[in-house]
Amino acid sequence: MDGIMHYEHNPPHLYCEGGKYFITGATYKHNRYFADDQAKENLLYSIRRGFLDKGWALEDWVILDNHYHIMVDSKENNEFLKTIMNSIHRFTATWLNKRDKKLGRKVWYNYWDSLITYERSYYARLNYLWYNPVKHGYCKYAEDYEFGSFRERYLADKTYMQDLKASFPWDELDVFDL
């Protein structure tokens, strides 16, 4: 096999042990299923748990009302990303539908992943992830948005985060986003 998994109606997924992946997950028809804090917290818990249970590391994340971006490290684990993502999406859809009394409602559309192979690409995608709430008008400054990893990193080392933003611009990246 060529190391690429192909699924009907989905983009190809390249799996690599010890790889870093930039992942975007999108809700069905861009519905804002994660507009409230409780839903965002539940999704974050599911993402953290899903990757931790399979030995992967969640490095950075941002959750918006109808999509999320995460950066993960497979930590030389051969557990397929598809298994982890299906588990996260299944759990959060079940929880949301039970909470909203909408059993059977389709919550997730799909997810897109990119295996990161270059340092510049890694940091540009991190900046894209970190500044996504600003791009979508959730806040004026990324450090003000509480449902992303940027705030914690910024509070720990403001100068370093500002240097990363200047050194690895994200605004010219061609990344699927809503």
N, C-alpha and C. Protein backbone atom coordinates (compact mmCIF):
# COMPACT_ATOMS: atom_id res chain seq x y z
N MET A 1 0.84 -1.19 0.00
CA MET A 1 0.00 0.00 0.00
C MET A 1 0.88 1.25 0.00
N ASP A 2 0.38 2.34 -0.53
CA ASP A 2 1.16 3.56 -0.67
C ASP A 2 1.20 4.43 0.58
N GLY A 3 0.66 3.97 1.72
CA GLY A 3 0.65 4.76 2.94
C GLY A 3 -0.48 5.77 2.99
N ILE A 4 -1.31 5.78 1.97
CA ILE A 4 -2.43 6.71 1.91
C ILE A 4 -3.72 5.91 1.98
N MET A 5 -4.62 6.31 2.88
CA MET A 5 -5.92 5.67 2.99
C MET A 5 -6.91 6.47 2.16
N HIS A 6 -7.69 5.78 1.32
CA HIS A 6 -8.68 6.44 0.47
C HIS A 6 -10.07 5.99 0.90
N TYR A 7 -10.97 6.95 1.03
CA TYR A 7 -12.35 6.66 1.38
C TYR A 7 -13.24 7.41 0.40
N GLU A 8 -14.33 6.79 0.00
CA GLU A 8 -15.23 7.44 -0.93
C GLU A 8 -15.74 8.76 -0.35
N HIS A 9 -15.74 9.81 -1.12
CA HIS A 9 -16.22 11.16 -0.77
C HIS A 9 -15.36 11.85 0.28
N ASN A 10 -14.20 11.33 0.58
CA ASN A 10 -13.33 11.95 1.57
C ASN A 10 -11.97 12.23 0.95
N PRO A 11 -11.27 13.21 1.48
CA PRO A 11 -9.90 13.44 1.01
C PRO A 11 -9.01 12.28 1.45
N PRO A 12 -7.91 12.03 0.75
CA PRO A 12 -7.00 10.96 1.19
C PRO A 12 -6.33 11.34 2.51
N HIS A 13 -6.07 10.33 3.33
CA HIS A 13 -5.44 10.53 4.63
C HIS A 13 -4.10 9.81 4.64
N LEU A 14 -3.02 10.53 4.85
CA LEU A 14 -1.69 9.95 4.91
C LEU A 14 -1.34 9.68 6.37
N TYR A 15 -1.01 8.43 6.69
CA TYR A 15 -0.69 8.06 8.06
C TYR A 15 0.80 7.84 8.20
N CYS A 16 1.36 8.36 9.28
CA CYS A 16 2.79 8.24 9.52
C CYS A 16 3.02 8.18 11.02
N GLU A 17 3.67 7.11 11.48
CA GLU A 17 4.00 7.03 12.90
C GLU A 17 4.93 8.18 13.26
N GLY A 18 4.67 8.79 14.40
CA GLY A 18 5.51 9.89 14.86
C GLY A 18 5.27 11.18 14.13
N GLY A 19 4.15 11.28 13.40
CA GLY A 19 3.86 12.48 12.63
C GLY A 19 3.01 13.47 13.38
N LYS A 20 3.11 14.71 12.97
CA LYS A 20 2.25 15.77 13.49
C LYS A 20 1.17 16.04 12.45
N TYR A 21 -0.06 16.19 12.93
CA TYR A 21 -1.21 16.38 12.06
C TYR A 21 -1.97 17.64 12.44
N PHE A 22 -2.28 18.42 11.43
CA PHE A 22 -3.19 19.56 11.58
C PHE A 22 -4.54 19.07 11.11
N ILE A 23 -5.55 19.16 11.99
CA ILE A 23 -6.87 18.60 11.69
C ILE A 23 -7.94 19.67 11.86
N THR A 24 -8.86 19.69 10.90
CA THR A 24 -10.03 20.55 10.97
C THR A 24 -11.26 19.67 10.94
N GLY A 25 -12.16 19.89 11.87
CA GLY A 25 -13.44 19.18 11.89
C GLY A 25 -14.56 20.18 11.68
N ALA A 26 -15.54 19.81 10.87
CA ALA A 26 -16.63 20.74 10.54
C ALA A 26 -17.99 20.11 10.80
N THR A 27 -18.91 20.92 11.29
CA THR A 27 -20.27 20.44 11.53
C THR A 27 -21.05 20.35 10.22
N TYR A 28 -22.07 19.57 10.26
CA TYR A 28 -22.95 19.37 9.11
C TYR A 28 -23.67 20.68 8.77
N LYS A 29 -23.59 21.07 7.52
CA LYS A 29 -24.22 22.29 6.99
C LYS A 29 -23.83 23.55 7.77
N HIS A 30 -22.65 23.52 8.38
CA HIS A 30 -22.11 24.67 9.13
C HIS A 30 -22.99 25.06 10.32
N ASN A 31 -23.81 24.12 10.80
CA ASN A 31 -24.66 24.42 11.95
C ASN A 31 -23.80 24.74 13.16
N ARG A 32 -24.26 25.67 13.96
CA ARG A 32 -23.50 26.14 15.12
C ARG A 32 -23.86 25.30 16.36
N TYR A 33 -23.56 24.03 16.28
CA TYR A 33 -23.88 23.11 17.38
C TYR A 33 -23.03 23.35 18.62
N PHE A 34 -21.92 24.05 18.48
CA PHE A 34 -21.02 24.28 19.61
C PHE A 34 -20.99 25.76 20.00
N ALA A 35 -22.14 26.41 19.90
CA ALA A 35 -22.22 27.84 20.19
C ALA A 35 -22.17 28.14 21.69
N ASP A 36 -22.56 27.20 22.52
CA ASP A 36 -22.55 27.46 23.95
C ASP A 36 -21.30 26.86 24.61
N ASP A 37 -20.94 27.42 25.75
CA ASP A 37 -19.72 27.01 26.46
C ASP A 37 -19.74 25.53 26.82
N GLN A 38 -20.86 25.03 27.26
CA GLN A 38 -20.95 23.62 27.66
C GLN A 38 -20.63 22.69 26.49
N ALA A 39 -21.14 23.00 25.32
CA ALA A 39 -20.87 22.18 24.14
C ALA A 39 -19.39 22.24 23.76
N LYS A 40 -18.81 23.43 23.82
CA LYS A 40 -17.37 23.56 23.52
C LYS A 40 -16.54 22.77 24.53
N GLU A 41 -16.87 22.87 25.81
CA GLU A 41 -16.15 22.14 26.84
C GLU A 41 -16.26 20.63 26.63
N ASN A 42 -17.43 20.17 26.25
CA ASN A 42 -17.63 18.75 26.00
C ASN A 42 -16.81 18.28 24.80
N LEU A 43 -16.77 19.09 23.74
CA LEU A 43 -15.96 18.73 22.57
C LEU A 43 -14.49 18.69 22.95
N LEU A 44 -14.00 19.68 23.68
CA LEU A 44 -12.60 19.67 24.10
C LEU A 44 -12.29 18.44 24.94
N TYR A 45 -13.16 18.12 25.88
CA TYR A 45 -12.97 16.92 26.70
C TYR A 45 -12.88 15.68 25.80
N SER A 46 -13.76 15.58 24.84
CA SER A 46 -13.79 14.42 23.93
C SER A 46 -12.52 14.34 23.09
N ILE A 47 -12.05 15.47 22.61
CA ILE A 47 -10.81 15.50 21.82
C ILE A 47 -9.63 15.08 22.70
N ARG A 48 -9.53 15.68 23.87
CA ARG A 48 -8.42 15.33 24.77
C ARG A 48 -8.45 13.84 25.10
N ARG A 49 -9.60 13.35 25.48
CA ARG A 49 -9.74 11.95 25.88
C ARG A 49 -9.48 11.01 24.70
N GLY A 50 -10.01 11.34 23.54
CA GLY A 50 -9.85 10.50 22.37
C GLY A 50 -8.40 10.29 21.98
N PHE A 51 -7.62 11.35 22.02
CA PHE A 51 -6.21 11.23 21.66
C PHE A 51 -5.38 10.62 22.79
N LEU A 52 -5.65 11.02 24.02
CA LEU A 52 -4.92 10.47 25.16
C LEU A 52 -5.11 8.96 25.26
N ASP A 53 -6.34 8.50 25.09
CA ASP A 53 -6.63 7.07 25.19
C ASP A 53 -5.86 6.24 24.17
N LYS A 54 -5.49 6.83 23.05
CA LYS A 54 -4.78 6.10 22.00
C LYS A 54 -3.29 6.42 21.97
N GLY A 55 -2.81 7.16 22.96
CA GLY A 55 -1.38 7.43 23.05
C GLY A 55 -0.88 8.58 22.19
N TRP A 56 -1.78 9.37 21.66
CA TRP A 56 -1.40 10.54 20.87
C TRP A 56 -1.36 11.76 21.81
N ALA A 57 -0.71 12.83 21.38
CA ALA A 57 -0.63 14.06 22.17
C ALA A 57 -1.38 15.18 21.47
N LEU A 58 -2.29 15.80 22.19
CA LEU A 58 -2.96 17.01 21.70
C LEU A 58 -2.06 18.18 22.07
N GLU A 59 -1.51 18.85 21.06
CA GLU A 59 -0.58 19.94 21.30
C GLU A 59 -1.28 21.29 21.38
N ASP A 60 -2.17 21.57 20.44
CA ASP A 60 -2.87 22.84 20.39
C ASP A 60 -4.25 22.65 19.81
N TRP A 61 -5.13 23.60 20.11
CA TRP A 61 -6.52 23.45 19.70
C TRP A 61 -7.24 24.80 19.74
N VAL A 62 -8.32 24.86 18.96
CA VAL A 62 -9.28 25.96 19.04
C VAL A 62 -10.64 25.40 18.64
N ILE A 63 -11.66 25.78 19.40
CA ILE A 63 -13.02 25.32 19.13
C ILE A 63 -13.90 26.53 18.89
N LEU A 64 -14.55 26.55 17.72
CA LEU A 64 -15.49 27.61 17.39
C LEU A 64 -16.89 26.99 17.31
N ASP A 65 -17.88 27.78 16.95
CA ASP A 65 -19.26 27.31 16.99
C ASP A 65 -19.57 26.19 16.01
N ASN A 66 -18.90 26.17 14.85
CA ASN A 66 -19.24 25.18 13.83
C ASN A 66 -18.03 24.42 13.29
N HIS A 67 -16.88 24.60 13.90
CA HIS A 67 -15.69 23.85 13.49
C HIS A 67 -14.60 23.97 14.54
N TYR A 68 -13.59 23.15 14.37
CA TYR A 68 -12.44 23.22 15.26
C TYR A 68 -11.18 22.93 14.45
N HIS A 69 -10.05 23.34 15.02
CA HIS A 69 -8.73 23.02 14.47
C HIS A 69 -7.91 22.46 15.62
N ILE A 70 -7.15 21.42 15.35
CA ILE A 70 -6.26 20.86 16.37
C ILE A 70 -4.92 20.49 15.73
N MET A 71 -3.88 20.48 16.55
CA MET A 71 -2.57 19.99 16.15
C MET A 71 -2.27 18.84 17.10
N VAL A 72 -2.00 17.66 16.52
CA VAL A 72 -1.74 16.47 17.33
C VAL A 72 -0.44 15.80 16.89
N ASP A 73 0.11 15.01 17.77
CA ASP A 73 1.33 14.26 17.50
C ASP A 73 1.03 12.79 17.76
N SER A 74 1.29 11.95 16.76
CA SER A 74 0.95 10.52 16.88
C SER A 74 1.90 9.78 17.82
N LYS A 75 3.00 10.39 18.22
CA LYS A 75 3.91 9.81 19.21
C LYS A 75 4.34 8.39 18.85
N GLU A 76 4.61 8.17 17.59
CA GLU A 76 5.05 6.85 17.09
C GLU A 76 4.04 5.76 17.42
N ASN A 77 2.79 6.13 17.36
CA ASN A 77 1.69 5.21 17.62
C ASN A 77 1.05 4.88 16.29
N ASN A 78 0.76 3.62 16.04
CA ASN A 78 0.19 3.26 14.75
C ASN A 78 -1.34 3.19 14.77
N GLU A 79 -1.95 3.69 15.82
CA GLU A 79 -3.41 3.72 15.89
C GLU A 79 -3.90 4.72 14.84
N PHE A 80 -4.76 4.26 13.96
CA PHE A 80 -5.22 5.11 12.87
C PHE A 80 -6.01 6.32 13.37
N LEU A 81 -5.73 7.43 12.76
CA LEU A 81 -6.42 8.67 13.07
C LEU A 81 -7.93 8.53 12.87
N LYS A 82 -8.32 7.80 11.86
CA LYS A 82 -9.75 7.60 11.56
C LYS A 82 -10.48 7.03 12.77
N THR A 83 -9.89 6.08 13.45
CA THR A 83 -10.51 5.46 14.62
C THR A 83 -10.73 6.50 15.72
N ILE A 84 -9.73 7.32 15.95
CA ILE A 84 -9.81 8.35 17.00
C ILE A 84 -10.88 9.38 16.64
N MET A 85 -10.84 9.86 15.40
CA MET A 85 -11.79 10.89 14.98
C MET A 85 -13.22 10.38 15.00
N ASN A 86 -13.43 9.16 14.54
CA ASN A 86 -14.78 8.59 14.57
C ASN A 86 -15.31 8.51 16.00
N SER A 87 -14.45 8.14 16.92
CA SER A 87 -14.85 8.05 18.33
C SER A 87 -15.22 9.43 18.88
N ILE A 88 -14.40 10.42 18.62
CA ILE A 88 -14.67 11.79 19.10
C ILE A 88 -15.98 12.30 18.52
N HIS A 89 -16.15 12.15 17.22
CA HIS A 89 -17.37 12.67 16.58
C HIS A 89 -18.61 11.90 17.01
N ARG A 90 -18.50 10.61 17.17
CA ARG A 90 -19.65 9.81 17.62
C ARG A 90 -20.06 10.21 19.03
N PHE A 91 -19.09 10.34 19.93
CA PHE A 91 -19.39 10.70 21.31
C PHE A 91 -20.04 12.08 21.40
N THR A 92 -19.47 13.07 20.73
CA THR A 92 -20.02 14.43 20.82
C THR A 92 -21.38 14.54 20.15
N ALA A 93 -21.58 13.85 19.05
CA ALA A 93 -22.89 13.88 18.39
C ALA A 93 -23.95 13.24 19.28
N THR A 94 -23.62 12.12 19.90
CA THR A 94 -24.57 11.45 20.80
C THR A 94 -24.91 12.35 21.98
N TRP A 95 -23.88 12.97 22.56
CA TRP A 95 -24.11 13.86 23.70
C TRP A 95 -24.99 15.06 23.31
N LEU A 96 -24.66 15.72 22.20
CA LEU A 96 -25.44 16.88 21.76
C LEU A 96 -26.88 16.50 21.45
N ASN A 97 -27.06 15.40 20.74
CA ASN A 97 -28.41 15.00 20.34
C ASN A 97 -29.27 14.60 21.53
N LYS A 98 -28.63 13.97 22.52
CA LYS A 98 -29.35 13.61 23.73
C LYS A 98 -29.73 14.88 24.50
N ARG A 99 -28.77 15.78 24.63
CA ARG A 99 -29.02 17.03 25.35
C ARG A 99 -30.13 17.86 24.69
N ASP A 100 -30.09 17.93 23.35
CA ASP A 100 -31.05 18.75 22.61
C ASP A 100 -32.33 18.01 22.24
N LYS A 101 -32.42 16.74 22.66
CA LYS A 101 -33.58 15.89 22.35
C LYS A 101 -33.82 15.83 20.84
N LYS A 102 -32.74 15.57 20.09
CA LYS A 102 -32.77 15.48 18.62
C LYS A 102 -32.07 14.19 18.19
N LEU A 103 -32.51 13.08 18.71
CA LEU A 103 -31.86 11.80 18.43
C LEU A 103 -31.79 11.53 16.93
N GLY A 104 -30.62 11.11 16.47
CA GLY A 104 -30.43 10.79 15.06
C GLY A 104 -30.01 11.95 14.18
N ARG A 105 -29.98 13.15 14.73
CA ARG A 105 -29.58 14.33 13.95
C ARG A 105 -28.11 14.19 13.54
N LYS A 106 -27.79 14.56 12.32
CA LYS A 106 -26.41 14.55 11.85
C LYS A 106 -25.71 15.80 12.36
N VAL A 107 -24.61 15.60 13.08
CA VAL A 107 -23.89 16.70 13.69
C VAL A 107 -22.62 17.04 12.90
N TRP A 108 -21.85 16.02 12.53
CA TRP A 108 -20.57 16.23 11.88
C TRP A 108 -20.65 16.01 10.39
N TYR A 109 -19.94 16.85 9.65
CA TYR A 109 -19.83 16.67 8.21
C TYR A 109 -18.62 15.81 7.88
N ASN A 110 -17.44 16.26 8.32
CA ASN A 110 -16.22 15.55 7.98
C ASN A 110 -15.06 16.14 8.77
N TYR A 111 -13.91 15.57 8.57
CA TYR A 111 -12.68 16.17 9.08
C TYR A 111 -11.62 16.10 8.00
N TRP A 112 -10.68 17.03 8.06
CA TRP A 112 -9.59 17.10 7.09
C TRP A 112 -8.30 17.11 7.88
N ASP A 113 -7.34 16.33 7.44
CA ASP A 113 -6.06 16.30 8.14
C ASP A 113 -4.92 16.52 7.18
N SER A 114 -3.86 17.12 7.69
CA SER A 114 -2.63 17.32 6.92
C SER A 114 -1.48 16.82 7.77
N LEU A 115 -0.68 15.93 7.20
CA LEU A 115 0.54 15.50 7.84
C LEU A 115 1.57 16.62 7.64
N ILE A 116 2.10 17.15 8.73
CA ILE A 116 3.02 18.27 8.66
C ILE A 116 4.45 17.73 8.54
N THR A 117 5.15 18.18 7.51
CA THR A 117 6.49 17.66 7.27
C THR A 117 7.57 18.73 7.29
N TYR A 118 7.20 20.00 7.37
CA TYR A 118 8.18 21.09 7.38
C TYR A 118 7.93 22.00 8.57
N GLU A 119 9.00 22.48 9.17
CA GLU A 119 8.89 23.35 10.33
C GLU A 119 8.07 24.61 10.03
N ARG A 120 8.35 25.25 8.90
CA ARG A 120 7.59 26.47 8.55
C ARG A 120 6.09 26.18 8.44
N SER A 121 5.77 25.06 7.85
CA SER A 121 4.36 24.67 7.71
C SER A 121 3.73 24.43 9.09
N TYR A 122 4.48 23.80 9.96
CA TYR A 122 4.00 23.52 11.32
C TYR A 122 3.63 24.83 12.03
N TYR A 123 4.58 25.76 12.06
CA TYR A 123 4.33 27.01 12.80
C TYR A 123 3.30 27.91 12.11
N ALA A 124 3.26 27.90 10.80
CA ALA A 124 2.24 28.69 10.10
C ALA A 124 0.84 28.15 10.42
N ARG A 125 0.70 26.83 10.47
CA ARG A 125 -0.59 26.24 10.80
C ARG A 125 -0.96 26.48 12.27
N LEU A 126 0.03 26.44 13.14
CA LEU A 126 -0.25 26.79 14.54
C LEU A 126 -0.77 28.21 14.64
N ASN A 127 -0.13 29.14 13.97
CA ASN A 127 -0.60 30.53 13.98
C ASN A 127 -2.01 30.62 13.41
N TYR A 128 -2.27 29.87 12.35
CA TYR A 128 -3.61 29.86 11.77
C TYR A 128 -4.62 29.39 12.80
N LEU A 129 -4.31 28.31 13.48
CA LEU A 129 -5.17 27.75 14.52
C LEU A 129 -5.37 28.79 15.63
N TRP A 130 -4.27 29.34 16.13
CA TRP A 130 -4.34 30.28 17.26
C TRP A 130 -5.15 31.52 16.93
N TYR A 131 -5.02 32.03 15.69
CA TYR A 131 -5.68 33.29 15.34
C TYR A 131 -7.02 33.10 14.63
N ASN A 132 -7.51 31.88 14.58
CA ASN A 132 -8.79 31.60 13.93
C ASN A 132 -9.96 32.35 14.58
N PRO A 133 -10.02 32.46 15.91
CA PRO A 133 -11.12 33.24 16.51
C PRO A 133 -11.11 34.71 16.10
N VAL A 134 -9.93 35.27 15.86
CA VAL A 134 -9.82 36.65 15.40
C VAL A 134 -10.32 36.73 13.96
N LYS A 135 -9.89 35.79 13.14
CA LYS A 135 -10.30 35.76 11.73
C LYS A 135 -11.82 35.72 11.60
N HIS A 136 -12.48 34.95 12.48
CA HIS A 136 -13.93 34.78 12.40
C HIS A 136 -14.72 35.78 13.24
N GLY A 137 -14.03 36.74 13.85
CA GLY A 137 -14.72 37.80 14.58
C GLY A 137 -15.19 37.45 15.98
N TYR A 138 -14.68 36.39 16.57
CA TYR A 138 -15.07 36.03 17.93
C TYR A 138 -14.43 36.97 18.95
N CYS A 139 -13.28 37.52 18.60
CA CYS A 139 -12.56 38.41 19.50
C CYS A 139 -11.61 39.27 18.67
N LYS A 140 -11.10 40.31 19.30
CA LYS A 140 -10.15 41.19 18.62
C LYS A 140 -8.72 40.67 18.77
N TYR A 141 -8.44 40.03 19.91
CA TYR A 141 -7.11 39.50 20.21
C TYR A 141 -7.23 38.03 20.58
N ALA A 142 -6.36 37.21 20.01
CA ALA A 142 -6.42 35.76 20.24
C ALA A 142 -6.32 35.39 21.71
N GLU A 143 -5.57 36.17 22.47
CA GLU A 143 -5.42 35.86 23.89
C GLU A 143 -6.70 36.07 24.70
N ASP A 144 -7.70 36.73 24.10
CA ASP A 144 -8.98 36.93 24.76
C ASP A 144 -9.95 35.76 24.58
N TYR A 145 -9.64 34.86 23.67
CA TYR A 145 -10.55 33.75 23.38
C TYR A 145 -10.24 32.56 24.29
N GLU A 146 -11.23 32.13 25.07
CA GLU A 146 -10.98 31.11 26.07
C GLU A 146 -11.06 29.67 25.57
N PHE A 147 -11.57 29.44 24.37
CA PHE A 147 -11.70 28.07 23.88
C PHE A 147 -10.62 27.74 22.85
N GLY A 148 -9.41 28.09 23.22
CA GLY A 148 -8.25 27.77 22.41
C GLY A 148 -7.01 27.73 23.28
N SER A 149 -6.00 27.03 22.80
CA SER A 149 -4.77 26.86 23.56
C SER A 149 -3.89 28.11 23.55
N PHE A 150 -4.17 29.05 22.66
CA PHE A 150 -3.31 30.24 22.56
C PHE A 150 -3.26 31.02 23.86
N ARG A 151 -4.39 31.22 24.48
CA ARG A 151 -4.48 32.05 25.68
C ARG A 151 -3.47 31.59 26.75
N GLU A 152 -3.45 30.31 27.01
CA GLU A 152 -2.55 29.75 28.02
C GLU A 152 -1.08 29.96 27.62
N ARG A 153 -0.79 29.72 26.36
CA ARG A 153 0.59 29.89 25.87
C ARG A 153 1.01 31.37 25.93
N TYR A 154 0.09 32.25 25.58
CA TYR A 154 0.36 33.68 25.57
C TYR A 154 0.64 34.18 26.99
N LEU A 155 -0.15 33.74 27.94
CA LEU A 155 0.05 34.16 29.33
C LEU A 155 1.38 33.64 29.88
N ALA A 156 1.83 32.48 29.39
CA ALA A 156 3.09 31.90 29.85
C ALA A 156 4.30 32.62 29.25
N ASP A 157 4.19 33.07 27.99
CA ASP A 157 5.35 33.70 27.33
C ASP A 157 4.89 34.58 26.17
N LYS A 158 4.47 35.77 26.50
CA LYS A 158 3.92 36.73 25.53
C LYS A 158 4.92 37.04 24.41
N THR A 159 6.17 37.30 24.75
CA THR A 159 7.19 37.67 23.75
C THR A 159 7.40 36.54 22.74
N TYR A 160 7.54 35.32 23.22
CA TYR A 160 7.74 34.17 22.34
C TYR A 160 6.56 34.02 21.37
N MET A 161 5.35 34.18 21.87
CA MET A 161 4.17 34.03 21.00
C MET A 161 4.10 35.14 19.97
N GLN A 162 4.47 36.35 20.33
CA GLN A 162 4.50 37.44 19.36
C GLN A 162 5.57 37.21 18.30
N ASP A 163 6.71 36.67 18.70
CA ASP A 163 7.78 36.36 17.75
C ASP A 163 7.33 35.28 16.76
N LEU A 164 6.64 34.27 17.25
CA LEU A 164 6.13 33.21 16.36
C LEU A 164 5.15 33.77 15.33
N LYS A 165 4.29 34.66 15.78
CA LYS A 165 3.32 35.27 14.87
C LYS A 165 4.04 36.03 13.76
N ALA A 166 5.06 36.76 14.10
CA ALA A 166 5.79 37.55 13.12
C ALA A 166 6.64 36.68 12.19
N SER A 167 7.18 35.60 12.71
CA SER A 167 8.10 34.75 11.94
C SER A 167 7.40 33.77 10.99
N PHE A 168 6.18 33.38 11.33
CA PHE A 168 5.48 32.36 10.54
C PHE A 168 4.07 32.82 10.23
N PRO A 169 3.90 33.70 9.24
CA PRO A 169 2.57 34.23 8.93
C PRO A 169 1.61 33.14 8.47
N TRP A 170 0.38 33.28 8.87
CA TRP A 170 -0.64 32.28 8.55
C TRP A 170 -1.63 32.77 7.50
N ASP A 171 -1.66 34.05 7.22
CA ASP A 171 -2.74 34.62 6.41
C ASP A 171 -2.69 34.25 4.94
N GLU A 172 -1.64 33.58 4.49
CA GLU A 172 -1.60 33.14 3.09
C GLU A 172 -1.77 31.63 2.95
N LEU A 173 -2.05 30.95 4.05
CA LEU A 173 -2.25 29.51 4.02
C LEU A 173 -3.57 29.16 3.34
N ASP A 174 -3.57 28.11 2.57
CA ASP A 174 -4.79 27.60 1.95
C ASP A 174 -5.30 26.44 2.79
N VAL A 175 -6.06 26.77 3.83
CA VAL A 175 -6.57 25.79 4.78
C VAL A 175 -8.08 25.78 4.71
N PHE A 176 -8.68 24.58 4.70
CA PHE A 176 -10.14 24.51 4.73
C PHE A 176 -10.63 25.14 6.02
N ASP A 177 -11.56 26.04 5.89
CA ASP A 177 -12.11 26.72 7.06
C ASP A 177 -13.52 27.18 6.72
N LEU A 178 -14.31 27.42 7.72
CA LEU A 178 -15.70 27.84 7.53
C LEU A 178 -15.88 29.30 7.79
